[in-house]
Each structure stands twice: as C-alpha cells, then as structure tokens.
Amino acid sequence: MSARHRGLVIVLNLIYAIVLLVLGILPSVGDVAPRIPDNVAHSIAYGVQAVLLTVLFMPAGGIWRGAFVAFAVALVYGGLVEGLQILQPQRTVELSDLMANSVGAAAGAASMIVAAHFFESDAKR
C-alpha cells in the first residue's frame, strides 16, 4: 500500500473511531441512529470498524493476522466505548451490546478474509 493510501486508511479509521465514540457517549442516539434494532446497529457498526481496521493492519502481517488484530482492537474499543456509557445517567452498559459488537467485528474480519482469498484466487486465473 502506498504511503498516500495508508494515510487515507489511517484517517478513515480515526474518523470512524471518533464517530463511534461520540455515538457511544451521547445521552441519547434516538434522533441520530436509524430505526433499526440496537443490537443490529452495534453489529453493523463494529463490523465496519473491523473491515477498516483489517485494511489498516493487513499490510503488516497478512490477511489472517490483520483480521485477527482488527477483531481484537474492535472488541476492546467497543468495550471501552460501552464502559464510558456509565458516565451518562441516561445510558446503560449492556452485555448484549458487547456481544453484538463482537459478532459484528467477527463478521467484518471474516468477510475481509473471504474477500482477500476470493480476490487472490481471482488474480491467479
């Protein structure tokens, strides 16, 4: 990955992490979040984060290591954001949100592994 593309990937990851943090600590996200179930929103949000993080970490260690590190970072970050909700009286820390975060992060990382292998085998043809 070129330095320019790597810089773009870093910026996208930072912006996305900030958006997740802001949404995680707002007193209420009812007006901001689309009308989808909370656990689905968590899964989608952390799935996207895992995809972005895999793109960031993949060049350093390959797709498997990049996806694993991306999953772990997304899981820890989701836990930290969820834990910060204790500071908001209107919000609650929920184990189901953490589970949804982990399912989404796993799905995002796994989809990157599948996509990498698909494109790798397609390039060999």
N, C-alpha and C. Protein backbone atom coordinates (compact mmCIF):
# COMPACT_ATOMS: atom_id res chain seq x y z
N MET A 1 0.85 -1.17 0.00
CA MET A 1 0.00 0.00 0.00
C MET A 1 0.90 1.23 0.00
N SER A 2 0.55 2.17 -0.85
CA SER A 2 1.35 3.39 -0.93
C SER A 2 1.17 4.22 0.35
N ALA A 3 2.11 5.11 0.58
CA ALA A 3 2.06 5.97 1.76
C ALA A 3 0.79 6.83 1.75
N ARG A 4 0.41 7.27 0.56
CA ARG A 4 -0.80 8.10 0.44
C ARG A 4 -2.04 7.31 0.83
N HIS A 5 -2.14 6.07 0.31
CA HIS A 5 -3.29 5.24 0.64
C HIS A 5 -3.29 4.86 2.12
N ARG A 6 -2.12 4.57 2.66
CA ARG A 6 -2.02 4.23 4.08
C ARG A 6 -2.48 5.41 4.95
N GLY A 7 -2.07 6.61 4.56
CA GLY A 7 -2.52 7.79 5.29
C GLY A 7 -4.02 7.95 5.24
N LEU A 8 -4.62 7.69 4.09
CA LEU A 8 -6.07 7.77 3.95
C LEU A 8 -6.77 6.73 4.83
N VAL A 9 -6.22 5.52 4.87
CA VAL A 9 -6.80 4.46 5.69
C VAL A 9 -6.71 4.82 7.17
N ILE A 10 -5.60 5.41 7.58
CA ILE A 10 -5.45 5.84 8.98
C ILE A 10 -6.48 6.92 9.31
N VAL A 11 -6.62 7.90 8.44
CA VAL A 11 -7.59 8.99 8.67
C VAL A 11 -9.01 8.43 8.74
N LEU A 12 -9.37 7.53 7.83
CA LEU A 12 -10.71 6.94 7.85
C LEU A 12 -10.95 6.17 9.15
N ASN A 13 -9.95 5.43 9.61
CA ASN A 13 -10.08 4.71 10.87
C ASN A 13 -10.27 5.66 12.05
N LEU A 14 -9.51 6.74 12.06
CA LEU A 14 -9.64 7.71 13.16
C LEU A 14 -11.01 8.39 13.15
N ILE A 15 -11.46 8.80 11.98
CA ILE A 15 -12.77 9.45 11.88
C ILE A 15 -13.86 8.49 12.34
N TYR A 16 -13.78 7.24 11.87
CA TYR A 16 -14.81 6.27 12.24
C TYR A 16 -14.78 5.99 13.75
N ALA A 17 -13.60 5.88 14.33
CA ALA A 17 -13.48 5.65 15.77
C ALA A 17 -14.08 6.82 16.55
N ILE A 18 -13.86 8.03 16.08
CA ILE A 18 -14.43 9.21 16.75
C ILE A 18 -15.95 9.20 16.66
N VAL A 19 -16.48 8.84 15.49
CA VAL A 19 -17.94 8.77 15.33
C VAL A 19 -18.52 7.73 16.28
N LEU A 20 -17.90 6.55 16.37
CA LEU A 20 -18.38 5.53 17.30
C LEU A 20 -18.32 6.02 18.75
N LEU A 21 -17.25 6.72 19.09
CA LEU A 21 -17.11 7.24 20.45
C LEU A 21 -18.20 8.26 20.75
N VAL A 22 -18.41 9.19 19.84
CA VAL A 22 -19.44 10.22 20.05
C VAL A 22 -20.82 9.58 20.18
N LEU A 23 -21.14 8.67 19.28
CA LEU A 23 -22.44 7.99 19.37
C LEU A 23 -22.56 7.17 20.64
N GLY A 24 -21.43 6.64 21.11
CA GLY A 24 -21.46 5.83 22.32
C GLY A 24 -21.63 6.62 23.59
N ILE A 25 -21.25 7.89 23.60
CA ILE A 25 -21.33 8.66 24.84
C ILE A 25 -22.40 9.74 24.81
N LEU A 26 -23.08 9.90 23.69
CA LEU A 26 -24.21 10.84 23.67
C LEU A 26 -25.26 10.38 24.66
N PRO A 27 -25.97 11.33 25.30
CA PRO A 27 -27.02 10.91 26.23
C PRO A 27 -28.10 10.05 25.56
N SER A 28 -28.40 10.35 24.30
CA SER A 28 -29.40 9.57 23.57
C SER A 28 -29.04 9.62 22.10
N VAL A 29 -29.16 8.49 21.42
CA VAL A 29 -28.88 8.47 19.99
C VAL A 29 -30.16 8.20 19.20
N GLY A 30 -31.29 8.33 19.84
CA GLY A 30 -32.57 8.05 19.19
C GLY A 30 -32.79 8.87 17.93
N ASP A 31 -32.41 10.14 17.94
CA ASP A 31 -32.61 11.01 16.78
C ASP A 31 -31.50 10.86 15.74
N VAL A 32 -30.37 10.28 16.15
CA VAL A 32 -29.23 10.16 15.25
C VAL A 32 -29.24 8.80 14.54
N ALA A 33 -29.53 7.76 15.29
CA ALA A 33 -29.45 6.40 14.75
C ALA A 33 -30.66 6.09 13.89
N PRO A 34 -30.44 5.31 12.84
CA PRO A 34 -31.58 4.89 12.02
C PRO A 34 -32.49 3.96 12.83
N ARG A 35 -33.66 3.76 12.33
CA ARG A 35 -34.66 2.95 13.04
C ARG A 35 -34.43 1.46 12.80
N ILE A 36 -33.33 0.96 13.33
CA ILE A 36 -33.06 -0.46 13.28
C ILE A 36 -32.79 -0.93 14.71
N PRO A 37 -32.98 -2.22 14.99
CA PRO A 37 -32.74 -2.70 16.35
C PRO A 37 -31.33 -2.39 16.84
N ASP A 38 -31.22 -2.10 18.12
CA ASP A 38 -29.95 -1.69 18.73
C ASP A 38 -28.84 -2.70 18.49
N ASN A 39 -29.10 -3.98 18.68
CA ASN A 39 -28.06 -4.99 18.50
C ASN A 39 -27.61 -5.09 17.05
N VAL A 40 -28.52 -4.89 16.12
CA VAL A 40 -28.16 -4.90 14.70
C VAL A 40 -27.26 -3.69 14.40
N ALA A 41 -27.62 -2.54 14.96
CA ALA A 41 -26.80 -1.34 14.76
C ALA A 41 -25.39 -1.55 15.31
N HIS A 42 -25.29 -2.16 16.50
CA HIS A 42 -23.98 -2.43 17.09
C HIS A 42 -23.18 -3.38 16.19
N SER A 43 -23.82 -4.43 15.70
CA SER A 43 -23.13 -5.40 14.84
C SER A 43 -22.62 -4.75 13.57
N ILE A 44 -23.45 -3.95 12.95
CA ILE A 44 -23.05 -3.27 11.72
C ILE A 44 -21.89 -2.31 12.00
N ALA A 45 -22.03 -1.52 13.07
CA ALA A 45 -21.01 -0.51 13.39
C ALA A 45 -19.65 -1.14 13.62
N TYR A 46 -19.59 -2.23 14.39
CA TYR A 46 -18.30 -2.83 14.69
C TYR A 46 -17.84 -3.77 13.58
N GLY A 47 -18.74 -4.21 12.74
CA GLY A 47 -18.34 -4.93 11.53
C GLY A 47 -17.60 -4.01 10.58
N VAL A 48 -18.14 -2.81 10.40
CA VAL A 48 -17.48 -1.82 9.55
C VAL A 48 -16.13 -1.44 10.14
N GLN A 49 -16.09 -1.28 11.46
CA GLN A 49 -14.81 -0.93 12.08
C GLN A 49 -13.78 -2.04 11.86
N ALA A 50 -14.19 -3.29 11.98
CA ALA A 50 -13.26 -4.40 11.76
C ALA A 50 -12.76 -4.42 10.31
N VAL A 51 -13.62 -4.11 9.37
CA VAL A 51 -13.20 -4.06 7.96
C VAL A 51 -12.14 -2.96 7.79
N LEU A 52 -12.42 -1.77 8.30
CA LEU A 52 -11.46 -0.67 8.18
C LEU A 52 -10.14 -0.99 8.86
N LEU A 53 -10.22 -1.59 10.04
CA LEU A 53 -9.00 -1.94 10.77
C LEU A 53 -8.23 -3.05 10.07
N THR A 54 -8.93 -3.99 9.45
CA THR A 54 -8.23 -5.06 8.71
C THR A 54 -7.43 -4.46 7.57
N VAL A 55 -8.03 -3.51 6.86
CA VAL A 55 -7.30 -2.85 5.77
C VAL A 55 -6.06 -2.15 6.33
N LEU A 56 -6.17 -1.59 7.52
CA LEU A 56 -5.03 -0.91 8.14
C LEU A 56 -3.93 -1.89 8.55
N PHE A 57 -4.31 -3.00 9.18
CA PHE A 57 -3.33 -3.93 9.75
C PHE A 57 -2.84 -5.01 8.77
N MET A 58 -3.57 -5.25 7.71
CA MET A 58 -3.23 -6.33 6.78
C MET A 58 -1.84 -6.21 6.17
N PRO A 59 -1.41 -5.03 5.73
CA PRO A 59 -0.08 -4.95 5.10
C PRO A 59 1.06 -5.38 6.02
N ALA A 60 0.91 -5.22 7.31
CA ALA A 60 1.99 -5.54 8.24
C ALA A 60 2.15 -7.03 8.51
N GLY A 61 1.04 -7.78 8.43
CA GLY A 61 1.16 -9.19 8.82
C GLY A 61 0.34 -10.15 8.00
N GLY A 62 -0.22 -9.72 6.90
CA GLY A 62 -1.05 -10.60 6.09
C GLY A 62 -2.50 -10.54 6.52
N ILE A 63 -3.34 -11.20 5.75
CA ILE A 63 -4.78 -11.09 5.97
C ILE A 63 -5.21 -11.73 7.29
N TRP A 64 -4.68 -12.89 7.63
CA TRP A 64 -5.12 -13.57 8.85
C TRP A 64 -4.75 -12.78 10.09
N ARG A 65 -3.50 -12.35 10.17
CA ARG A 65 -3.06 -11.57 11.33
C ARG A 65 -3.77 -10.22 11.36
N GLY A 66 -3.89 -9.58 10.19
CA GLY A 66 -4.58 -8.30 10.13
C GLY A 66 -6.02 -8.40 10.59
N ALA A 67 -6.72 -9.45 10.17
CA ALA A 67 -8.11 -9.64 10.57
C ALA A 67 -8.22 -9.95 12.05
N PHE A 68 -7.30 -10.75 12.57
CA PHE A 68 -7.33 -11.08 14.00
C PHE A 68 -7.08 -9.84 14.85
N VAL A 69 -6.07 -9.06 14.48
CA VAL A 69 -5.77 -7.84 15.24
C VAL A 69 -6.93 -6.86 15.12
N ALA A 70 -7.51 -6.75 13.93
CA ALA A 70 -8.66 -5.86 13.73
C ALA A 70 -9.82 -6.28 14.62
N PHE A 71 -10.11 -7.58 14.68
CA PHE A 71 -11.18 -8.09 15.55
C PHE A 71 -10.89 -7.73 17.00
N ALA A 72 -9.66 -7.98 17.45
CA ALA A 72 -9.31 -7.71 18.84
C ALA A 72 -9.41 -6.22 19.17
N VAL A 73 -8.91 -5.38 18.28
CA VAL A 73 -8.95 -3.92 18.52
C VAL A 73 -10.40 -3.43 18.54
N ALA A 74 -11.22 -3.91 17.60
CA ALA A 74 -12.63 -3.51 17.57
C ALA A 74 -13.34 -3.96 18.83
N LEU A 75 -13.03 -5.16 19.30
CA LEU A 75 -13.66 -5.68 20.51
C LEU A 75 -13.28 -4.85 21.73
N VAL A 76 -11.99 -4.55 21.87
CA VAL A 76 -11.54 -3.75 23.01
C VAL A 76 -12.10 -2.33 22.92
N TYR A 77 -12.07 -1.75 21.74
CA TYR A 77 -12.60 -0.39 21.57
C TYR A 77 -14.09 -0.36 21.89
N GLY A 78 -14.84 -1.34 21.40
CA GLY A 78 -16.27 -1.41 21.70
C GLY A 78 -16.53 -1.53 23.19
N GLY A 79 -15.68 -2.30 23.88
CA GLY A 79 -15.82 -2.43 25.33
C GLY A 79 -15.54 -1.12 26.05
N LEU A 80 -14.52 -0.40 25.58
CA LEU A 80 -14.20 0.89 26.19
C LEU A 80 -15.32 1.90 25.97
N VAL A 81 -15.83 1.95 24.76
CA VAL A 81 -16.93 2.88 24.46
C VAL A 81 -18.16 2.51 25.28
N GLU A 82 -18.44 1.23 25.36
CA GLU A 82 -19.59 0.77 26.16
C GLU A 82 -19.38 1.12 27.63
N GLY A 83 -18.15 0.94 28.11
CA GLY A 83 -17.85 1.26 29.50
C GLY A 83 -17.99 2.74 29.81
N LEU A 84 -17.70 3.59 28.84
CA LEU A 84 -17.84 5.03 29.05
C LEU A 84 -19.30 5.45 29.24
N GLN A 85 -20.21 4.60 28.83
CA GLN A 85 -21.63 4.94 28.98
C GLN A 85 -22.06 5.03 30.45
N ILE A 86 -21.24 4.48 31.32
CA ILE A 86 -21.55 4.58 32.75
C ILE A 86 -21.52 6.04 33.22
N LEU A 87 -20.84 6.89 32.45
CA LEU A 87 -20.76 8.31 32.79
C LEU A 87 -22.04 9.06 32.42
N GLN A 88 -22.89 8.46 31.63
CA GLN A 88 -24.15 9.09 31.21
C GLN A 88 -25.31 8.45 31.97
N PRO A 89 -26.01 9.22 32.80
CA PRO A 89 -27.12 8.64 33.56
C PRO A 89 -28.24 8.05 32.67
N GLN A 90 -28.38 8.58 31.45
CA GLN A 90 -29.43 8.10 30.55
C GLN A 90 -29.04 6.81 29.84
N ARG A 91 -27.77 6.43 29.88
CA ARG A 91 -27.28 5.27 29.15
C ARG A 91 -26.94 4.15 30.14
N THR A 92 -26.96 2.92 29.64
CA THR A 92 -26.59 1.78 30.47
C THR A 92 -25.57 0.92 29.72
N VAL A 93 -24.69 0.32 30.47
CA VAL A 93 -23.73 -0.63 29.92
C VAL A 93 -24.45 -1.97 29.81
N GLU A 94 -24.47 -2.53 28.61
CA GLU A 94 -25.22 -3.77 28.40
C GLU A 94 -24.32 -4.85 27.80
N LEU A 95 -24.40 -6.03 28.39
CA LEU A 95 -23.64 -7.17 27.88
C LEU A 95 -24.10 -7.55 26.47
N SER A 96 -25.39 -7.37 26.19
CA SER A 96 -25.89 -7.70 24.84
C SER A 96 -25.27 -6.79 23.78
N ASP A 97 -24.97 -5.55 24.14
CA ASP A 97 -24.29 -4.65 23.19
C ASP A 97 -22.86 -5.13 22.92
N LEU A 98 -22.17 -5.57 23.97
CA LEU A 98 -20.83 -6.09 23.80
C LEU A 98 -20.84 -7.35 22.93
N MET A 99 -21.84 -8.19 23.13
CA MET A 99 -21.95 -9.40 22.31
C MET A 99 -22.21 -9.03 20.85
N ALA A 100 -23.09 -8.06 20.64
CA ALA A 100 -23.38 -7.61 19.28
C ALA A 100 -22.14 -7.00 18.63
N ASN A 101 -21.37 -6.24 19.41
CA ASN A 101 -20.11 -5.69 18.90
C ASN A 101 -19.18 -6.81 18.45
N SER A 102 -19.06 -7.86 19.27
CA SER A 102 -18.15 -8.95 18.94
C SER A 102 -18.62 -9.74 17.73
N VAL A 103 -19.92 -9.94 17.60
CA VAL A 103 -20.45 -10.64 16.43
C VAL A 103 -20.18 -9.82 15.17
N GLY A 104 -20.43 -8.53 15.23
CA GLY A 104 -20.17 -7.67 14.08
C GLY A 104 -18.70 -7.61 13.72
N ALA A 105 -17.83 -7.48 14.74
CA ALA A 105 -16.40 -7.42 14.48
C ALA A 105 -15.90 -8.73 13.87
N ALA A 106 -16.41 -9.85 14.38
CA ALA A 106 -16.02 -11.15 13.82
C ALA A 106 -16.49 -11.28 12.37
N ALA A 107 -17.71 -10.84 12.11
CA ALA A 107 -18.24 -10.92 10.74
C ALA A 107 -17.45 -10.02 9.79
N GLY A 108 -17.10 -8.83 10.25
CA GLY A 108 -16.32 -7.91 9.42
C GLY A 108 -14.93 -8.46 9.12
N ALA A 109 -14.27 -9.00 10.14
CA ALA A 109 -12.93 -9.56 9.94
C ALA A 109 -13.00 -10.79 9.04
N ALA A 110 -13.99 -11.64 9.27
CA ALA A 110 -14.14 -12.85 8.45
C ALA A 110 -14.45 -12.49 6.99
N SER A 111 -15.26 -11.46 6.80
CA SER A 111 -15.59 -11.07 5.42
C SER A 111 -14.34 -10.57 4.69
N MET A 112 -13.43 -9.95 5.40
CA MET A 112 -12.19 -9.49 4.78
C MET A 112 -11.30 -10.67 4.40
N ILE A 113 -11.28 -11.71 5.24
CA ILE A 113 -10.50 -12.91 4.92
C ILE A 113 -11.07 -13.56 3.67
N VAL A 114 -12.39 -13.71 3.62
CA VAL A 114 -13.03 -14.31 2.45
C VAL A 114 -12.77 -13.46 1.21
N ALA A 115 -12.93 -12.15 1.33
CA ALA A 115 -12.71 -11.26 0.18
C ALA A 115 -11.26 -11.34 -0.30
N ALA A 116 -10.31 -11.38 0.63
CA ALA A 116 -8.90 -11.45 0.25
C ALA A 116 -8.61 -12.74 -0.50
N HIS A 117 -9.15 -13.85 -0.02
CA HIS A 117 -8.93 -15.12 -0.70
C HIS A 117 -9.63 -15.17 -2.04
N PHE A 118 -10.80 -14.56 -2.12
CA PHE A 118 -11.53 -14.50 -3.39
C PHE A 118 -10.74 -13.72 -4.43
N PHE A 119 -10.25 -12.54 -4.04
CA PHE A 119 -9.50 -11.72 -4.98
C PHE A 119 -8.14 -12.33 -5.30
N GLU A 120 -7.54 -13.01 -4.32
CA GLU A 120 -6.26 -13.67 -4.55
C GLU A 120 -6.42 -14.80 -5.56
N SER A 121 -7.45 -15.61 -5.41
CA SER A 121 -7.66 -16.71 -6.35
C SER A 121 -8.11 -16.18 -7.71
N ASP A 122 -8.84 -15.08 -7.72
CA ASP A 122 -9.27 -14.47 -8.97
C ASP A 122 -8.08 -13.90 -9.74
N ALA A 123 -7.10 -13.36 -9.02
CA ALA A 123 -5.92 -12.79 -9.64
C ALA A 123 -5.02 -13.87 -10.25
N LYS A 124 -5.08 -15.08 -9.71
CA LYS A 124 -4.25 -16.18 -10.22
C LYS A 124 -4.80 -16.76 -11.52
N ARG A 125 -6.03 -16.48 -11.84
CA ARG A 125 -6.65 -17.03 -13.06
C ARG A 125 -6.12 -16.39 -14.30
